[in-house]
Amino acid sequence: MSELLEQDISCPYCGEVIDVVVEVLDESQEYIEDCQVCCRPIVFNIDVAFDGSTLVQVRSENDTY
């Protein structure tokens, strides 16, 4: 099962709020997409909880957990 989720995120580089559409799969995923404003790479972490809720987190490539 996959669905599209529209989400507002804040770019970790320029701070601009941008509207993105992410594909939500049955498992957690991580991918990189360029900011629509400053063109720098944003790392997206998409986590799906057992109850079906989705958490979208973004960070710069240089950030660590």
PDB file of N, CA and C in Angstrom:
ATOM      1  N   MET A   1       0.842  -1.179   0.000  1.00  0.00           N
ATOM      2  CA  MET A   1       0.000   0.000   0.000  1.00  0.00           C
ATOM      3  C   MET A   1       0.889   1.245   0.000  1.00  0.00           C
ATOM      4  N   SER A   2       0.595   2.159  -0.864  1.00  0.00           N
ATOM      5  CA  SER A   2       1.306   3.432  -0.830  1.00  0.00           C
ATOM      6  C   SER A   2       0.302   4.546  -1.058  1.00  0.00           C
ATOM      7  N   GLU A   3       0.568   5.654  -0.437  1.00  0.00           N
ATOM      8  CA  GLU A   3      -0.300   6.817  -0.590  1.00  0.00           C
ATOM      9  C   GLU A   3       0.576   8.052  -0.668  1.00  0.00           C
ATOM     10  N   LEU A   4       0.015   9.117  -1.189  1.00  0.00           N
ATOM     11  CA  LEU A   4       0.739  10.378  -1.273  1.00  0.00           C
ATOM     12  C   LEU A   4       0.279  11.282  -0.143  1.00  0.00           C
ATOM     13  N   LEU A   5       1.240  11.905   0.515  1.00  0.00           N
ATOM     14  CA  LEU A   5       0.969  12.784   1.645  1.00  0.00           C
ATOM     15  C   LEU A   5       1.564  14.151   1.346  1.00  0.00           C
ATOM     16  N   GLU A   6       0.729  15.184   1.389  1.00  0.00           N
ATOM     17  CA  GLU A   6       1.214  16.550   1.196  1.00  0.00           C
ATOM     18  C   GLU A   6       1.605  17.114   2.553  1.00  0.00           C
ATOM     19  N   GLN A   7       2.803  17.686   2.632  1.00  0.00           N
ATOM     20  CA  GLN A   7       3.351  18.128   3.914  1.00  0.00           C
ATOM     21  C   GLN A   7       4.101  19.441   3.727  1.00  0.00           C
ATOM     22  N   ASP A   8       3.953  20.362   4.669  1.00  0.00           N
ATOM     23  CA  ASP A   8       4.774  21.571   4.701  1.00  0.00           C
ATOM     24  C   ASP A   8       5.982  21.288   5.583  1.00  0.00           C
ATOM     25  N   ILE A   9       7.176  21.549   5.046  1.00  0.00           N
ATOM     26  CA  ILE A   9       8.403  21.355   5.820  1.00  0.00           C
ATOM     27  C   ILE A   9       9.230  22.625   5.758  1.00  0.00           C
ATOM     28  N   SER A  10      10.137  22.766   6.695  1.00  0.00           N
ATOM     29  CA  SER A  10      11.050  23.907   6.715  1.00  0.00           C
ATOM     30  C   SER A  10      12.427  23.414   6.281  1.00  0.00           C
ATOM     31  N   CYS A  11      12.999  24.052   5.269  1.00  0.00           N
ATOM     32  CA  CYS A  11      14.319  23.652   4.776  1.00  0.00           C
ATOM     33  C   CYS A  11      15.350  23.839   5.886  1.00  0.00           C
ATOM     34  N   PRO A  12      16.169  22.812   6.164  1.00  0.00           N
ATOM     35  CA  PRO A  12      17.180  22.938   7.216  1.00  0.00           C
ATOM     36  C   PRO A  12      18.320  23.888   6.850  1.00  0.00           C
ATOM     37  N   TYR A  13      18.404  24.309   5.607  1.00  0.00           N
ATOM     38  CA  TYR A  13      19.460  25.224   5.162  1.00  0.00           C
ATOM     39  C   TYR A  13      18.979  26.671   5.134  1.00  0.00           C
ATOM     40  N   CYS A  14      17.933  26.942   4.332  1.00  0.00           N
ATOM     41  CA  CYS A  14      17.501  28.330   4.135  1.00  0.00           C
ATOM     42  C   CYS A  14      16.330  28.717   5.033  1.00  0.00           C
ATOM     43  N   GLY A  15      15.676  27.736   5.684  1.00  0.00           N
ATOM     44  CA  GLY A  15      14.580  28.017   6.596  1.00  0.00           C
ATOM     45  C   GLY A  15      13.245  28.279   5.921  1.00  0.00           C
ATOM     46  N   GLU A  16      13.223  28.265   4.601  1.00  0.00           N
ATOM     47  CA  GLU A  16      11.990  28.524   3.861  1.00  0.00           C
ATOM     48  C   GLU A  16      11.018  27.363   4.050  1.00  0.00           C
ATOM     49  N   VAL A  17       9.740  27.677   4.239  1.00  0.00           N
ATOM     50  CA  VAL A  17       8.713  26.643   4.337  1.00  0.00           C
ATOM     51  C   VAL A  17       8.296  26.272   2.919  1.00  0.00           C
ATOM     52  N   ILE A  18       8.413  24.990   2.598  1.00  0.00           N
ATOM     53  CA  ILE A  18       8.051  24.523   1.268  1.00  0.00           C
ATOM     54  C   ILE A  18       7.043  23.389   1.372  1.00  0.00           C
ATOM     55  N   ASP A  19       6.236  23.248   0.344  1.00  0.00           N
ATOM     56  CA  ASP A  19       5.213  22.218   0.271  1.00  0.00           C
ATOM     57  C   ASP A  19       5.778  21.049  -0.524  1.00  0.00           C
ATOM     58  N   VAL A  20       5.785  19.862   0.066  1.00  0.00           N
ATOM     59  CA  VAL A  20       6.299  18.677  -0.616  1.00  0.00           C
ATOM     60  C   VAL A  20       5.239  17.582  -0.594  1.00  0.00           C
ATOM     61  N   VAL A  21       5.340  16.684  -1.540  1.00  0.00           N
ATOM     62  CA  VAL A  21       4.480  15.507  -1.583  1.00  0.00           C
ATOM     63  C   VAL A  21       5.386  14.298  -1.415  1.00  0.00           C
ATOM     64  N   VAL A  22       5.110  13.500  -0.388  1.00  0.00           N
ATOM     65  CA  VAL A  22       5.916  12.306  -0.130  1.00  0.00           C
ATOM     66  C   VAL A  22       5.067  11.066  -0.343  1.00  0.00           C
ATOM     67  N   GLU A  23       5.706  10.016  -0.829  1.00  0.00           N
ATOM     68  CA  GLU A  23       5.028   8.744  -1.004  1.00  0.00           C
ATOM     69  C   GLU A  23       5.208   7.930   0.269  1.00  0.00           C
ATOM     70  N   VAL A  24       4.112   7.557   0.882  1.00  0.00           N
ATOM     71  CA  VAL A  24       4.144   6.796   2.129  1.00  0.00           C
ATOM     72  C   VAL A  24       3.989   5.318   1.795  1.00  0.00           C
ATOM     73  N   LEU A  25       5.003   4.540   2.145  1.00  0.00           N
ATOM     74  CA  LEU A  25       4.976   3.095   1.934  1.00  0.00           C
ATOM     75  C   LEU A  25       4.670   2.406   3.258  1.00  0.00           C
ATOM     76  N   ASP A  26       4.624   1.088   3.245  1.00  0.00           N
ATOM     77  CA  ASP A  26       4.317   0.336   4.465  1.00  0.00           C
ATOM     78  C   ASP A  26       5.471   0.316   5.457  1.00  0.00           C
ATOM     79  N   GLU A  27       6.684   0.629   4.999  1.00  0.00           N
ATOM     80  CA  GLU A  27       7.829   0.628   5.899  1.00  0.00           C
ATOM     81  C   GLU A  27       8.475   2.009   5.930  1.00  0.00           C
ATOM     82  N   SER A  28       9.355   2.203   6.892  1.00  0.00           N
ATOM     83  CA  SER A  28      10.078   3.469   6.998  1.00  0.00           C
ATOM     84  C   SER A  28      11.027   3.612   5.814  1.00  0.00           C
ATOM     85  N   GLN A  29      11.316   4.854   5.468  1.00  0.00           N
ATOM     86  CA  GLN A  29      12.206   5.095   4.336  1.00  0.00           C
ATOM     87  C   GLN A  29      12.995   6.376   4.541  1.00  0.00           C
ATOM     88  N   GLU A  30      14.086   6.492   3.803  1.00  0.00           N
ATOM     89  CA  GLU A  30      14.909   7.694   3.824  1.00  0.00           C
ATOM     90  C   GLU A  30      15.320   7.988   2.393  1.00  0.00           C
ATOM     91  N   TYR A  31      15.207   9.247   1.993  1.00  0.00           N
ATOM     92  CA  TYR A  31      15.655   9.643   0.663  1.00  0.00           C
ATOM     93  C   TYR A  31      16.049  11.107   0.676  1.00  0.00           C
ATOM     94  N   ILE A  32      16.696  11.551  -0.400  1.00  0.00           N
ATOM     95  CA  ILE A  32      17.182  12.926  -0.515  1.00  0.00           C
ATOM     96  C   ILE A  32      16.457  13.621  -1.656  1.00  0.00           C
ATOM     97  N   GLU A  33      16.015  14.846  -1.384  1.00  0.00           N
ATOM     98  CA  GLU A  33      15.352  15.672  -2.391  1.00  0.00           C
ATOM     99  C   GLU A  33      15.875  17.095  -2.232  1.00  0.00           C
ATOM    100  N   ASP A  34      16.122  17.777  -3.329  1.00  0.00           N
ATOM    101  CA  ASP A  34      16.639  19.145  -3.273  1.00  0.00           C
ATOM    102  C   ASP A  34      15.556  20.137  -2.869  1.00  0.00           C
ATOM    103  N   CYS A  35      15.942  21.150  -2.090  1.00  0.00           N
ATOM    104  CA  CYS A  35      15.045  22.234  -1.706  1.00  0.00           C
ATOM    105  C   CYS A  35      14.613  22.981  -2.966  1.00  0.00           C
ATOM    106  N   GLN A  36      13.339  23.326  -3.050  1.00  0.00           N
ATOM    107  CA  GLN A  36      12.800  24.043  -4.202  1.00  0.00           C
ATOM    108  C   GLN A  36      13.267  25.488  -4.238  1.00  0.00           C
ATOM    109  N   VAL A  37      13.790  26.007  -3.118  1.00  0.00           N
ATOM    110  CA  VAL A  37      14.215  27.406  -3.041  1.00  0.00           C
ATOM    111  C   VAL A  37      15.726  27.536  -3.194  1.00  0.00           C
ATOM    112  N   CYS A  38      16.495  26.847  -2.335  1.00  0.00           N
ATOM    113  CA  CYS A  38      17.956  27.019  -2.344  1.00  0.00           C
ATOM    114  C   CYS A  38      18.701  25.888  -3.055  1.00  0.00           C
ATOM    115  N   CYS A  39      17.982  24.853  -3.478  1.00  0.00           N
ATOM    116  CA  CYS A  39      18.539  23.722  -4.253  1.00  0.00           C
ATOM    117  C   CYS A  39      19.540  22.867  -3.483  1.00  0.00           C
ATOM    118  N   ARG A  40      19.589  22.985  -2.161  1.00  0.00           N
ATOM    119  CA  ARG A  40      20.491  22.138  -1.369  1.00  0.00           C
ATOM    120  C   ARG A  40      19.770  20.841  -1.003  1.00  0.00           C
ATOM    121  N   PRO A  41      20.519  19.761  -0.785  1.00  0.00           N
ATOM    122  CA  PRO A  41      19.906  18.449  -0.553  1.00  0.00           C
ATOM    123  C   PRO A  41      19.317  18.308   0.857  1.00  0.00           C
ATOM    124  N   ILE A  42      18.056  17.937   0.917  1.00  0.00           N
ATOM    125  CA  ILE A  42      17.355  17.700   2.182  1.00  0.00           C
ATOM    126  C   ILE A  42      17.166  16.193   2.338  1.00  0.00           C
ATOM    127  N   VAL A  43      17.526  15.667   3.510  1.00  0.00           N
ATOM    128  CA  VAL A  43      17.318  14.251   3.803  1.00  0.00           C
ATOM    129  C   VAL A  43      15.941  14.102   4.450  1.00  0.00           C
ATOM    130  N   PHE A  44      15.094  13.292   3.838  1.00  0.00           N
ATOM    131  CA  PHE A  44      13.753  13.022   4.351  1.00  0.00           C
ATOM    132  C   PHE A  44      13.748  11.667   5.036  1.00  0.00           C
ATOM    133  N   ASN A  45      13.198  11.608   6.245  1.00  0.00           N
ATOM    134  CA  ASN A  45      12.949  10.356   6.949  1.00  0.00           C
ATOM    135  C   ASN A  45      11.444  10.229   7.112  1.00  0.00           C
ATOM    136  N   ILE A  46      10.882   9.168   6.556  1.00  0.00           N
ATOM    137  CA  ILE A  46       9.447   8.916   6.636  1.00  0.00           C
ATOM    138  C   ILE A  46       9.258   7.677   7.498  1.00  0.00           C
ATOM    139  N   ASP A  47       8.595   7.842   8.635  1.00  0.00           N
ATOM    140  CA  ASP A  47       8.336   6.727   9.543  1.00  0.00           C
ATOM    141  C   ASP A  47       6.839   6.487   9.642  1.00  0.00           C
ATOM    142  N   VAL A  48       6.464   5.218   9.561  1.00  0.00           N
ATOM    143  CA  VAL A  48       5.065   4.828   9.688  1.00  0.00           C
ATOM    144  C   VAL A  48       4.918   4.047  10.987  1.00  0.00           C
ATOM    145  N   ALA A  49       4.047   4.525  11.875  1.00  0.00           N
ATOM    146  CA  ALA A  49       3.823   3.873  13.168  1.00  0.00           C
ATOM    147  C   ALA A  49       2.861   2.693  13.000  1.00  0.00           C
ATOM    148  N   PHE A  50       2.780   1.863  14.028  1.00  0.00           N
ATOM    149  CA  PHE A  50       1.884   0.705  13.993  1.00  0.00           C
ATOM    150  C   PHE A  50       0.427   1.105  13.825  1.00  0.00           C
ATOM    151  N   ASP A  51       0.068   2.294  14.328  1.00  0.00           N
ATOM    152  CA  ASP A  51      -1.321   2.744  14.211  1.00  0.00           C
ATOM    153  C   ASP A  51      -1.619   3.385  12.854  1.00  0.00           C
ATOM    154  N   GLY A  52      -0.620   3.416  11.958  1.00  0.00           N
ATOM    155  CA  GLY A  52      -0.823   3.961  10.621  1.00  0.00           C
ATOM    156  C   GLY A  52      -0.477   5.426  10.468  1.00  0.00           C
ATOM    157  N   SER A  53      -0.146   6.099  11.573  1.00  0.00           N
ATOM    158  CA  SER A  53       0.219   7.514  11.479  1.00  0.00           C
ATOM    159  C   SER A  53       1.603   7.647  10.843  1.00  0.00           C
ATOM    160  N   THR A  54       1.815   8.773  10.182  1.00  0.00           N
ATOM    161  CA  THR A  54       3.061   9.008   9.452  1.00  0.00           C
ATOM    162  C   THR A  54       3.792  10.200  10.032  1.00  0.00           C
ATOM    163  N   LEU A  55       5.099  10.059  10.229  1.00  0.00           N
ATOM    164  CA  LEU A  55       5.947  11.132  10.723  1.00  0.00           C
ATOM    165  C   LEU A  55       6.978  11.455   9.650  1.00  0.00           C
ATOM    166  N   VAL A  56       7.022  12.730   9.236  1.00  0.00           N
ATOM    167  CA  VAL A  56       7.989  13.187   8.249  1.00  0.00           C
ATOM    168  C   VAL A  56       8.988  14.089   8.962  1.00  0.00           C
ATOM    169  N   GLN A  57      10.266  13.708   8.924  1.00  0.00           N
ATOM    170  CA  GLN A  57      11.331  14.512   9.513  1.00  0.00           C
ATOM    171  C   GLN A  57      12.337  14.845   8.424  1.00  0.00           C
ATOM    172  N   VAL A  58      12.886  16.069   8.489  1.00  0.00           N
ATOM    173  CA  VAL A  58      13.896  16.478   7.514  1.00  0.00           C
ATOM    174  C   VAL A  58      15.137  16.961   8.243  1.00  0.00           C
ATOM    175  N   ARG A  59      16.283  16.819   7.567  1.00  0.00           N
ATOM    176  CA  ARG A  59      17.549  17.284   8.126  1.00  0.00           C
ATOM    177  C   ARG A  59      18.500  17.568   6.973  1.00  0.00           C
ATOM    178  N   SER A  60      19.578  18.274   7.290  1.00  0.00           N
ATOM    179  CA  SER A  60      20.610  18.509   6.281  1.00  0.00           C
ATOM    180  C   SER A  60      21.473  17.258   6.163  1.00  0.00           C
ATOM    181  N   GLU A  61      22.244  17.163   5.104  1.00  0.00           N
ATOM    182  CA  GLU A  61      23.118  16.000   4.918  1.00  0.00           C
ATOM    183  C   GLU A  61      24.177  15.901   6.001  1.00  0.00           C
ATOM    184  N   ASN A  62      24.561  17.024   6.588  1.00  0.00           N
ATOM    185  CA  ASN A  62      25.629  17.046   7.584  1.00  0.00           C
ATOM    186  C   ASN A  62      25.153  16.736   8.995  1.00  0.00           C
ATOM    187  N   ASP A  63      23.840  16.781   9.237  1.00  0.00           N
ATOM    188  CA  ASP A  63      23.306  16.479  10.562  1.00  0.00           C
ATOM    189  C   ASP A  63      23.399  14.986  10.829  1.00  0.00           C
ATOM    190  N   THR A  64      23.622  14.647  12.098  1.00  0.00           N
ATOM    191  CA  THR A  64      23.632  13.250  12.506  1.00  0.00           C
ATOM    192  C   THR A  64      22.544  13.051  13.540  1.00  0.00           C
ATOM    193  N   TYR A  65      22.206  11.807  13.781  1.00  0.00           N
ATOM    194  CA  TYR A  65      21.170  11.506  14.773  1.00  0.00           C
ATOM    195  C   TYR A  65      21.743  11.545  16.153  1.00  0.00           C
TER     196      TYR A  65
END
